[in-house]
Amino acid sequence: MVQYSVYARVCNGLDAVAKHKARLYSYLPDNGSVRLLVITEKQYETIEILVGNYSEDDTPFVCEQLSIF
């Protein structure tokens, strides 16, 4: 894990990516870092969700929903 906060934004095209990248640069924190990862729709389609074996003894866990804005 790199950090606790992960934010996602859907952009329609590389022009929108460039606009939001410039916005990120203008709001960089004085002490800290921001990581930007750009993936295409084709790359996103290949995401795999890896889940281990479930047994009835496992306690359920609470998932926090990912907000894409």
C-alpha atoms as a PDB file:
ATOM      1  CA  MET A   1       0.000   0.000   0.000  1.00  0.00           C
ATOM      2  CA  VAL A   2       1.359   3.378  -0.947  1.00  0.00           C
ATOM      3  CA  GLN A   3      -1.122   5.406   1.079  1.00  0.00           C
ATOM      4  CA  TYR A   4      -4.593   5.317   2.601  1.00  0.00           C
ATOM      5  CA  SER A   5      -6.334   7.692   0.185  1.00  0.00           C
ATOM      6  CA  VAL A   6      -6.856   6.662  -3.405  1.00  0.00           C
ATOM      7  CA  TYR A   7      -8.916   8.789  -5.776  1.00  0.00           C
ATOM      8  CA  ALA A   8     -10.058   7.980  -9.287  1.00  0.00           C
ATOM      9  CA  ARG A   9     -11.356  10.123 -12.107  1.00  0.00           C
ATOM     10  CA  VAL A  10     -12.746   9.044 -15.451  1.00  0.00           C
ATOM     11  CA  CYS A  11     -11.522  11.224 -18.307  1.00  0.00           C
ATOM     12  CA  ASN A  12     -12.840  11.266 -21.862  1.00  0.00           C
ATOM     13  CA  GLY A  13      -9.645  11.418 -23.898  1.00  0.00           C
ATOM     14  CA  LEU A  14      -6.068  12.505 -23.437  1.00  0.00           C
ATOM     15  CA  ASP A  15      -7.005  16.203 -23.602  1.00  0.00           C
ATOM     16  CA  ALA A  16      -9.051  15.790 -20.421  1.00  0.00           C
ATOM     17  CA  VAL A  17      -6.178  13.868 -18.817  1.00  0.00           C
ATOM     18  CA  ALA A  18      -3.800  16.735 -19.619  1.00  0.00           C
ATOM     19  CA  LYS A  19      -6.242  19.269 -18.135  1.00  0.00           C
ATOM     20  CA  HIS A  20      -6.585  17.381 -14.854  1.00  0.00           C
ATOM     21  CA  LYS A  21      -2.855  16.657 -14.719  1.00  0.00           C
ATOM     22  CA  ALA A  22      -2.178  20.395 -14.941  1.00  0.00           C
ATOM     23  CA  ARG A  23      -4.717  20.962 -12.173  1.00  0.00           C
ATOM     24  CA  LEU A  24      -2.931  18.411  -9.975  1.00  0.00           C
ATOM     25  CA  TYR A  25       0.402  20.164 -10.560  1.00  0.00           C
ATOM     26  CA  SER A  26      -1.096  23.456  -9.412  1.00  0.00           C
ATOM     27  CA  TYR A  27      -2.280  21.916  -6.118  1.00  0.00           C
ATOM     28  CA  LEU A  28       0.735  19.794  -5.165  1.00  0.00           C
ATOM     29  CA  PRO A  29       1.326  19.719  -1.414  1.00  0.00           C
ATOM     30  CA  ASP A  30       4.479  21.337  -0.016  1.00  0.00           C
ATOM     31  CA  ASN A  31       5.258  18.229   2.016  1.00  0.00           C
ATOM     32  CA  GLY A  32       4.116  14.989   0.401  1.00  0.00           C
ATOM     33  CA  SER A  33       3.627  13.487  -3.007  1.00  0.00           C
ATOM     34  CA  VAL A  34       0.908  12.675  -5.512  1.00  0.00           C
ATOM     35  CA  ARG A  35       1.015   9.720  -7.877  1.00  0.00           C
ATOM     36  CA  LEU A  36      -0.850   9.810 -11.175  1.00  0.00           C
ATOM     37  CA  LEU A  37      -1.651   6.640 -13.086  1.00  0.00           C
ATOM     38  CA  VAL A  38      -3.328   6.861 -16.471  1.00  0.00           C
ATOM     39  CA  ILE A  39      -4.830   3.682 -17.877  1.00  0.00           C
ATOM     40  CA  THR A  40      -6.850   3.212 -21.026  1.00  0.00           C
ATOM     41  CA  GLU A  41     -10.270   1.622 -21.201  1.00  0.00           C
ATOM     42  CA  LYS A  42      -8.686  -1.423 -22.840  1.00  0.00           C
ATOM     43  CA  GLN A  43      -6.251  -1.792 -19.939  1.00  0.00           C
ATOM     44  CA  TYR A  44      -9.079  -1.340 -17.423  1.00  0.00           C
ATOM     45  CA  GLU A  45     -10.989  -4.191 -19.073  1.00  0.00           C
ATOM     46  CA  THR A  46      -8.181  -6.594 -18.173  1.00  0.00           C
ATOM     47  CA  ILE A  47      -8.361  -5.952 -14.409  1.00  0.00           C
ATOM     48  CA  GLU A  48      -8.566  -9.181 -12.454  1.00  0.00           C
ATOM     49  CA  ILE A  49     -10.085  -9.431  -8.990  1.00  0.00           C
ATOM     50  CA  LEU A  50      -8.219 -11.984  -6.905  1.00  0.00           C
ATOM     51  CA  VAL A  51     -10.122 -13.562  -4.030  1.00  0.00           C
ATOM     52  CA  GLY A  52      -8.826 -16.306  -1.756  1.00  0.00           C
ATOM     53  CA  ASN A  53     -10.736 -19.402  -0.717  1.00  0.00           C
ATOM     54  CA  TYR A  54     -13.773 -18.689   1.429  1.00  0.00           C
ATOM     55  CA  SER A  55     -14.634 -20.847   4.401  1.00  0.00           C
ATOM     56  CA  GLU A  56     -17.637 -20.556   6.703  1.00  0.00           C
ATOM     57  CA  ASP A  57     -15.279 -19.753   9.587  1.00  0.00           C
ATOM     58  CA  ASP A  58     -14.186 -16.540   7.888  1.00  0.00           C
ATOM     59  CA  THR A  59     -15.730 -13.449   9.382  1.00  0.00           C
ATOM     60  CA  PRO A  60     -17.369 -11.098   6.898  1.00  0.00           C
ATOM     61  CA  PHE A  61     -15.587  -7.819   6.276  1.00  0.00           C
ATOM     62  CA  VAL A  62     -16.992  -4.390   5.569  1.00  0.00           C
ATOM     63  CA  CYS A  63     -16.137  -2.954   2.168  1.00  0.00           C
ATOM     64  CA  GLU A  64     -15.925   0.741   1.558  1.00  0.00           C
ATOM     65  CA  GLN A  65     -17.219   1.735  -1.833  1.00  0.00           C
ATOM     66  CA  LEU A  66     -14.876   3.318  -4.367  1.00  0.00           C
ATOM     67  CA  SER A  67     -16.136   6.688  -5.514  1.00  0.00           C
ATOM     68  CA  ILE A  68     -15.322   7.620  -9.076  1.00  0.00           C
ATOM     69  CA  PHE A  69     -15.983  11.259  -9.797  1.00  0.00           C
END
